[in-house]
Amino acid sequence: MGGDRQLELYGLVADRLKEAHTRVRSLQVPEHVRMALSRKLLVITAAAKHDLAAAARRLDRFMKDLDDY
């Protein structure tokens, strides 16, 4: 059972990461801002390899922050 939930969470995080990358690419912001946002996404992606639940929470906050752009 736990493995199924973990696999489901991996899929959810992967889909959200794709969405976040798409949103960052489409933002009308200076290049240095886009690069900073991309670096944050890379950190979240790396964190997902070690602590998926924490990375999912960080990704949720990141997506909410993107709404401010």
N, C-alpha and C. Protein backbone atom coordinates (compact mmCIF):
# COMPACT_ATOMS: atom_id res chain seq x y z
N MET A 1 0.81 -1.19 0.00
CA MET A 1 0.00 0.00 0.00
C MET A 1 0.86 1.26 0.00
N GLY A 2 1.84 1.32 0.89
CA GLY A 2 2.68 2.52 0.97
C GLY A 2 3.41 2.79 -0.32
N GLY A 3 3.84 1.73 -1.00
CA GLY A 3 4.54 1.89 -2.26
C GLY A 3 3.66 2.52 -3.32
N ASP A 4 2.38 2.17 -3.33
CA ASP A 4 1.45 2.76 -4.29
C ASP A 4 1.28 4.25 -4.05
N ARG A 5 1.18 4.63 -2.79
CA ARG A 5 1.04 6.06 -2.46
C ARG A 5 2.29 6.83 -2.86
N GLN A 6 3.45 6.21 -2.61
CA GLN A 6 4.72 6.85 -2.96
C GLN A 6 4.81 7.04 -4.47
N LEU A 7 4.43 6.02 -5.21
CA LEU A 7 4.46 6.10 -6.67
C LEU A 7 3.49 7.17 -7.18
N GLU A 8 2.32 7.24 -6.55
CA GLU A 8 1.33 8.26 -6.91
C GLU A 8 1.88 9.66 -6.65
N LEU A 9 2.56 9.83 -5.51
CA LEU A 9 3.14 11.13 -5.17
C LEU A 9 4.25 11.49 -6.15
N TYR A 10 5.07 10.52 -6.55
CA TYR A 10 6.10 10.78 -7.56
C TYR A 10 5.47 11.30 -8.84
N GLY A 11 4.40 10.66 -9.27
CA GLY A 11 3.71 11.09 -10.49
C GLY A 11 3.16 12.50 -10.36
N LEU A 12 2.56 12.79 -9.21
CA LEU A 12 2.00 14.12 -8.97
C LEU A 12 3.09 15.19 -8.98
N VAL A 13 4.19 14.91 -8.28
CA VAL A 13 5.29 15.88 -8.22
C VAL A 13 5.90 16.07 -9.61
N ALA A 14 6.07 14.99 -10.35
CA ALA A 14 6.63 15.09 -11.70
C ALA A 14 5.74 15.96 -12.59
N ASP A 15 4.45 15.74 -12.53
CA ASP A 15 3.52 16.55 -13.33
C ASP A 15 3.56 18.02 -12.93
N ARG A 16 3.62 18.27 -11.63
CA ARG A 16 3.66 19.66 -11.16
C ARG A 16 4.97 20.34 -11.52
N LEU A 17 6.08 19.57 -11.49
CA LEU A 17 7.37 20.14 -11.89
C LEU A 17 7.34 20.53 -13.37
N LYS A 18 6.75 19.69 -14.19
CA LYS A 18 6.62 20.03 -15.62
C LYS A 18 5.81 21.30 -15.79
N GLU A 19 4.71 21.38 -15.06
CA GLU A 19 3.86 22.58 -15.12
C GLU A 19 4.63 23.82 -14.67
N ALA A 20 5.39 23.68 -13.59
CA ALA A 20 6.15 24.81 -13.06
C ALA A 20 7.19 25.28 -14.07
N HIS A 21 7.89 24.35 -14.70
CA HIS A 21 8.89 24.71 -15.70
C HIS A 21 8.24 25.43 -16.88
N THR A 22 7.08 24.97 -17.30
CA THR A 22 6.36 25.61 -18.40
C THR A 22 5.96 27.03 -18.01
N ARG A 23 5.46 27.18 -16.79
CA ARG A 23 5.04 28.52 -16.34
C ARG A 23 6.23 29.47 -16.26
N VAL A 24 7.36 28.98 -15.75
CA VAL A 24 8.54 29.84 -15.64
C VAL A 24 9.00 30.28 -17.03
N ARG A 25 9.02 29.34 -17.98
CA ARG A 25 9.44 29.69 -19.34
C ARG A 25 8.53 30.73 -19.97
N SER A 26 7.27 30.72 -19.63
CA SER A 26 6.32 31.63 -20.27
C SER A 26 6.20 32.99 -19.57
N LEU A 27 6.84 33.16 -18.44
CA LEU A 27 6.76 34.43 -17.72
C LEU A 27 7.42 35.56 -18.51
N GLN A 28 6.81 36.71 -18.45
CA GLN A 28 7.36 37.92 -19.06
C GLN A 28 8.12 38.68 -17.99
N VAL A 29 9.31 38.17 -17.66
CA VAL A 29 10.15 38.76 -16.63
C VAL A 29 11.57 38.88 -17.17
N PRO A 30 12.39 39.72 -16.53
CA PRO A 30 13.80 39.80 -16.95
C PRO A 30 14.48 38.42 -16.85
N GLU A 31 15.48 38.24 -17.68
CA GLU A 31 16.17 36.93 -17.74
C GLU A 31 16.75 36.52 -16.39
N HIS A 32 17.29 37.48 -15.62
CA HIS A 32 17.88 37.11 -14.34
C HIS A 32 16.81 36.57 -13.37
N VAL A 33 15.59 37.05 -13.47
CA VAL A 33 14.50 36.55 -12.63
C VAL A 33 14.14 35.13 -13.06
N ARG A 34 14.06 34.93 -14.36
CA ARG A 34 13.73 33.59 -14.89
C ARG A 34 14.80 32.58 -14.47
N MET A 35 16.06 33.00 -14.53
CA MET A 35 17.14 32.10 -14.14
C MET A 35 17.07 31.75 -12.66
N ALA A 36 16.74 32.73 -11.83
CA ALA A 36 16.62 32.47 -10.39
C ALA A 36 15.48 31.50 -10.11
N LEU A 37 14.37 31.68 -10.80
CA LEU A 37 13.24 30.77 -10.63
C LEU A 37 13.59 29.36 -11.12
N SER A 38 14.32 29.28 -12.20
CA SER A 38 14.74 27.98 -12.72
C SER A 38 15.67 27.28 -11.74
N ARG A 39 16.57 28.04 -11.11
CA ARG A 39 17.46 27.44 -10.11
C ARG A 39 16.65 26.89 -8.93
N LYS A 40 15.63 27.63 -8.51
CA LYS A 40 14.78 27.14 -7.42
C LYS A 40 14.11 25.82 -7.80
N LEU A 41 13.67 25.74 -9.05
CA LEU A 41 13.05 24.50 -9.51
C LEU A 41 14.05 23.35 -9.53
N LEU A 42 15.28 23.63 -9.91
CA LEU A 42 16.31 22.59 -9.90
C LEU A 42 16.58 22.09 -8.48
N VAL A 43 16.56 22.99 -7.52
CA VAL A 43 16.76 22.61 -6.12
C VAL A 43 15.60 21.72 -5.66
N ILE A 44 14.39 22.10 -6.02
CA ILE A 44 13.22 21.30 -5.64
C ILE A 44 13.29 19.93 -6.30
N THR A 45 13.70 19.89 -7.55
CA THR A 45 13.83 18.61 -8.26
C THR A 45 14.85 17.72 -7.57
N ALA A 46 15.98 18.27 -7.21
CA ALA A 46 17.01 17.50 -6.51
C ALA A 46 16.51 17.03 -5.15
N ALA A 47 15.78 17.87 -4.46
CA ALA A 47 15.25 17.51 -3.14
C ALA A 47 14.26 16.35 -3.24
N ALA A 48 13.55 16.27 -4.36
CA ALA A 48 12.56 15.20 -4.54
C ALA A 48 13.22 13.83 -4.54
N LYS A 49 14.48 13.77 -4.87
CA LYS A 49 15.19 12.48 -4.88
C LYS A 49 15.45 11.98 -3.47
N HIS A 50 15.45 12.89 -2.50
CA HIS A 50 15.80 12.53 -1.13
C HIS A 50 14.63 12.57 -0.17
N ASP A 51 13.73 13.51 -0.37
CA ASP A 51 12.57 13.66 0.52
C ASP A 51 11.40 14.16 -0.32
N LEU A 52 10.67 13.23 -0.86
CA LEU A 52 9.61 13.55 -1.80
C LEU A 52 8.52 14.42 -1.18
N ALA A 53 8.12 14.10 0.03
CA ALA A 53 7.04 14.87 0.68
C ALA A 53 7.46 16.32 0.91
N ALA A 54 8.68 16.53 1.36
CA ALA A 54 9.17 17.89 1.59
C ALA A 54 9.27 18.65 0.26
N ALA A 55 9.73 17.96 -0.78
CA ALA A 55 9.82 18.59 -2.09
C ALA A 55 8.44 18.97 -2.61
N ALA A 56 7.46 18.14 -2.35
CA ALA A 56 6.08 18.44 -2.78
C ALA A 56 5.58 19.70 -2.08
N ARG A 57 5.89 19.84 -0.80
CA ARG A 57 5.48 21.04 -0.06
C ARG A 57 6.19 22.28 -0.60
N ARG A 58 7.48 22.15 -0.87
CA ARG A 58 8.24 23.28 -1.42
C ARG A 58 7.69 23.66 -2.80
N LEU A 59 7.33 22.66 -3.58
CA LEU A 59 6.79 22.92 -4.91
C LEU A 59 5.45 23.63 -4.82
N ASP A 60 4.63 23.26 -3.86
CA ASP A 60 3.35 23.96 -3.65
C ASP A 60 3.58 25.44 -3.35
N ARG A 61 4.53 25.72 -2.46
CA ARG A 61 4.84 27.12 -2.13
C ARG A 61 5.39 27.86 -3.36
N PHE A 62 6.23 27.19 -4.12
CA PHE A 62 6.81 27.79 -5.32
C PHE A 62 5.71 28.15 -6.33
N MET A 63 4.77 27.23 -6.52
CA MET A 63 3.68 27.48 -7.47
C MET A 63 2.84 28.67 -7.01
N LYS A 64 2.60 28.78 -5.71
CA LYS A 64 1.84 29.92 -5.20
C LYS A 64 2.61 31.22 -5.41
N ASP A 65 3.94 31.17 -5.23
CA ASP A 65 4.76 32.35 -5.48
C ASP A 65 4.73 32.77 -6.94
N LEU A 66 4.64 31.79 -7.84
CA LEU A 66 4.58 32.10 -9.26
C LEU A 66 3.32 32.92 -9.60
N ASP A 67 2.28 32.73 -8.83
CA ASP A 67 1.05 33.49 -9.06
C ASP A 67 1.27 34.99 -8.90
N ASP A 68 2.30 35.38 -8.16
CA ASP A 68 2.62 36.80 -7.95
C ASP A 68 3.29 37.43 -9.16
N TYR A 69 3.72 36.60 -10.10
CA TYR A 69 4.36 37.12 -11.30
C TYR A 69 3.31 37.27 -12.36
